């Protein structure tokens, strides 16, 4: 969650806290990127999107006992750029100061009204290369289908929750 291995980020402000919401527990964090070696633009099927630059914020939410990880990116003005959902093999809280996840390759991105599943090719390649088992492959597909269906009906609620968490965590930074 701390993203200490992200060499592109030279300096950031960081805050994290444990939370409970609707019967779920987890941890959320906010990183405000202060100094970077270069901006980061991602190439989505629907176009290029700048997701990291100086002054941008990254909110991460890890829910216990769930198989996805939420990252919401915000621009310098605090406007949400996107919601990104990594499908995981489970969110790990072994280190309570730095939760992490085992990536299952599939992702879902939500920008405005657009909801898109990404990286099916990476999941297929991982299975072909024996990086994951057939059971892991099937589980990732099932989690992705279930989460996608949930987001089709509840994307606005999740976005509002992320926006609220962003503001609450940002208020805790110096």
Protein backbone atom coordinates (compact mmCIF):
# COMPACT_ATOMS: atom_id res chain seq x y z
CA UNK A 1 0.00 0.00 0.00
CA UNK A 2 2.87 2.37 0.72
CA UNK A 3 4.25 1.83 -2.82
CA UNK A 4 7.81 2.24 -1.59
CA UNK A 5 9.02 0.41 -4.71
CA UNK A 6 7.61 3.02 -7.09
CA UNK A 7 10.84 4.60 -8.30
CA UNK A 8 8.96 7.21 -10.37
CA UNK A 9 7.85 8.91 -7.12
CA UNK A 10 10.70 10.76 -5.42
CA UNK A 11 8.65 12.37 -2.64
CA UNK A 12 5.08 12.04 -1.41
CA UNK A 13 2.85 12.73 1.56
CA UNK A 14 1.21 9.59 2.94
CA UNK A 15 -1.49 8.76 5.47
CA UNK A 16 -3.29 5.48 6.20
CA UNK A 17 -6.03 4.35 8.53
CA UNK A 18 -8.08 1.31 9.39
CA UNK A 19 -11.81 1.48 8.70
CA UNK A 20 -15.12 -0.35 8.97
CA UNK A 21 -17.92 0.18 6.46
CA UNK A 22 -21.08 -1.84 5.83
CA UNK A 23 -19.74 -4.80 7.78
CA UNK A 24 -16.37 -4.75 6.00
CA UNK A 25 -13.02 -3.99 7.59
CA UNK A 26 -9.86 -2.88 5.91
CA UNK A 27 -7.31 -0.17 5.46
CA UNK A 28 -7.25 2.88 3.24
CA UNK A 29 -4.41 5.20 2.38
CA UNK A 30 -3.76 8.38 0.48
CA UNK A 31 -0.54 9.34 -1.26
CA UNK A 32 -0.16 12.86 -2.59
CA UNK A 33 2.63 12.78 -5.15
CA UNK A 34 4.94 15.73 -4.50
CA UNK A 35 7.98 15.04 -6.69
CA UNK A 36 8.28 12.61 -9.59
CA UNK A 37 10.82 11.67 -12.23
CA UNK A 38 8.08 11.80 -14.89
CA UNK A 39 4.28 11.82 -15.19
CA UNK A 40 2.46 8.54 -15.86
CA UNK A 41 -0.05 8.19 -18.68
CA UNK A 42 -1.83 4.86 -19.18
CA UNK A 43 -3.21 3.61 -22.47
CA UNK A 44 -6.75 2.38 -21.97
CA UNK A 45 -8.80 0.93 -24.86
CA UNK A 46 -10.84 4.15 -24.90
CA UNK A 47 -7.86 6.55 -24.83
CA UNK A 48 -4.80 7.78 -22.98
CA UNK A 49 -5.27 9.02 -19.42
CA UNK A 50 -2.78 10.90 -17.22
CA UNK A 51 -3.05 9.20 -13.81
CA UNK A 52 0.05 10.37 -11.93
CA UNK A 53 1.87 13.67 -11.81
CA UNK A 54 3.08 16.07 -9.16
CA UNK A 55 0.16 17.10 -6.97
CA UNK A 56 -1.99 14.09 -7.94
CA UNK A 57 -3.51 11.86 -5.24
CA UNK A 58 -3.81 8.08 -5.10
CA UNK A 59 -6.39 6.65 -2.73
CA UNK A 60 -6.08 2.92 -2.09
CA UNK A 61 -8.64 0.78 -0.31
CA UNK A 62 -7.96 -2.80 0.79
CA UNK A 63 -10.90 -4.76 2.19
CA UNK A 64 -10.28 -7.79 4.37
CA UNK A 65 -11.64 -11.08 3.02
CA UNK A 66 -12.19 -9.65 -0.47
CA UNK A 67 -10.53 -10.41 -3.79
CA UNK A 68 -10.15 -6.92 -5.23
CA UNK A 69 -8.23 -3.76 -4.37
CA UNK A 70 -9.50 -0.27 -5.16
CA UNK A 71 -7.32 2.60 -6.34
CA UNK A 72 -8.88 5.98 -7.08
CA UNK A 73 -6.68 8.57 -8.77
CA UNK A 74 -7.22 12.33 -8.36
CA UNK A 75 -5.77 15.29 -10.24
CA UNK A 76 -4.18 18.40 -8.67
CA UNK A 77 -7.61 19.99 -8.18
CA UNK A 78 -8.91 16.93 -6.32
CA UNK A 79 -11.11 15.77 -9.20
CA UNK A 80 -11.36 11.99 -9.53
CA UNK A 81 -9.72 10.70 -12.70
CA UNK A 82 -10.72 7.06 -12.43
CA UNK A 83 -11.53 4.13 -10.21
CA UNK A 84 -9.31 1.11 -10.75
CA UNK A 85 -10.04 -2.34 -9.38
CA UNK A 86 -7.26 -4.94 -9.28
CA UNK A 87 -8.59 -8.50 -9.06
CA UNK A 88 -6.48 -10.20 -6.40
CA UNK A 89 -5.79 -13.59 -4.87
CA UNK A 90 -6.72 -11.88 -1.59
CA UNK A 91 -5.68 -8.74 0.21
CA UNK A 92 -2.91 -9.41 2.71
CA UNK A 93 -2.56 -7.71 6.07
CA UNK A 94 0.50 -9.63 7.36
CA UNK A 95 2.23 -6.27 7.78
CA UNK A 96 -0.45 -4.03 9.32
CA UNK A 97 1.50 -0.93 8.27
CA UNK A 98 1.69 -1.98 4.63
CA UNK A 99 -1.09 -4.22 3.26
CA UNK A 100 -0.46 -5.81 -0.12
CA UNK A 101 -2.10 -8.13 -2.63
CA UNK A 102 -1.21 -10.94 -5.00
CA UNK A 103 -2.27 -9.69 -8.43
CA UNK A 104 -4.55 -11.92 -10.50
CA UNK A 105 -3.93 -9.94 -13.70
CA UNK A 106 -7.52 -8.89 -14.44
CA UNK A 107 -8.53 -5.30 -13.74
CA UNK A 108 -11.61 -3.14 -14.07
CA UNK A 109 -11.41 0.60 -14.72
CA UNK A 110 -14.26 3.07 -14.32
CA UNK A 111 -14.00 6.54 -15.86
CA UNK A 112 -17.22 8.50 -15.90
CA UNK A 113 -19.87 6.14 -17.24
CA UNK A 114 -17.31 3.88 -18.93
CA UNK A 115 -16.68 0.54 -17.22
CA UNK A 116 -14.05 -1.66 -18.86
CA UNK A 117 -12.38 -5.00 -18.03
CA UNK A 118 -8.65 -4.87 -18.75
CA UNK A 119 -5.84 -7.37 -19.18
CA UNK A 120 -7.72 -10.55 -20.07
CA UNK A 121 -4.71 -11.32 -22.28
CA UNK A 122 -2.41 -11.11 -19.25
CA UNK A 123 -4.60 -13.57 -17.36
CA UNK A 124 -4.58 -15.97 -20.32
CA UNK A 125 -0.80 -15.66 -20.63
CA UNK A 126 -0.32 -16.28 -16.90
CA UNK A 127 -2.29 -19.54 -17.22
CA UNK A 128 -0.34 -20.60 -20.32
CA UNK A 129 2.97 -19.90 -18.52
CA UNK A 130 1.86 -21.77 -15.37
CA UNK A 131 2.11 -18.55 -13.33
CA UNK A 132 -1.39 -19.35 -12.02
CA UNK A 133 -3.42 -22.52 -11.74
CA UNK A 134 -6.65 -23.26 -13.57
CA UNK A 135 -8.45 -22.82 -10.24
CA UNK A 136 -6.82 -19.38 -9.82
CA UNK A 137 -7.76 -18.47 -13.39
CA UNK A 138 -11.38 -19.51 -12.85
CA UNK A 139 -11.52 -17.66 -9.52
CA UNK A 140 -10.17 -14.44 -11.08
CA UNK A 141 -12.79 -14.66 -13.83
CA UNK A 142 -15.59 -15.26 -11.33
CA UNK A 143 -14.51 -12.37 -9.07
CA UNK A 144 -14.25 -10.09 -12.10
CA UNK A 145 -17.75 -11.02 -13.33
CA UNK A 146 -19.27 -10.51 -9.87
CA UNK A 147 -17.49 -7.19 -9.26
CA UNK A 148 -18.35 -5.92 -12.74
CA UNK A 149 -22.02 -6.70 -12.15
CA UNK A 150 -21.92 -4.96 -8.80
CA UNK A 151 -20.26 -1.89 -10.31
CA UNK A 152 -22.84 -1.68 -13.08
CA UNK A 153 -25.43 -0.99 -10.38
CA UNK A 154 -23.34 0.70 -7.67
CA UNK A 155 -20.52 2.60 -9.37
CA UNK A 156 -21.83 6.01 -8.24
CA UNK A 157 -21.99 4.86 -4.60
CA UNK A 158 -18.43 3.50 -4.70
CA UNK A 159 -17.19 6.71 -6.38
CA UNK A 160 -18.89 8.83 -3.70
CA UNK A 161 -17.33 6.71 -0.94
CA UNK A 162 -13.89 7.10 -2.50
CA UNK A 163 -14.36 10.86 -2.89
CA UNK A 164 -15.37 11.15 0.77
CA UNK A 165 -12.38 9.03 1.89
CA UNK A 166 -10.07 11.15 -0.29
CA UNK A 167 -11.23 14.35 1.42
CA UNK A 168 -11.05 12.83 4.92
CA UNK A 169 -7.54 11.49 4.43
CA UNK A 170 -6.32 14.63 2.68
CA UNK A 171 -7.44 16.67 5.70
CA UNK A 172 -5.08 14.58 7.85
CA UNK A 173 -2.01 15.45 5.78
CA UNK A 174 0.27 18.35 6.75
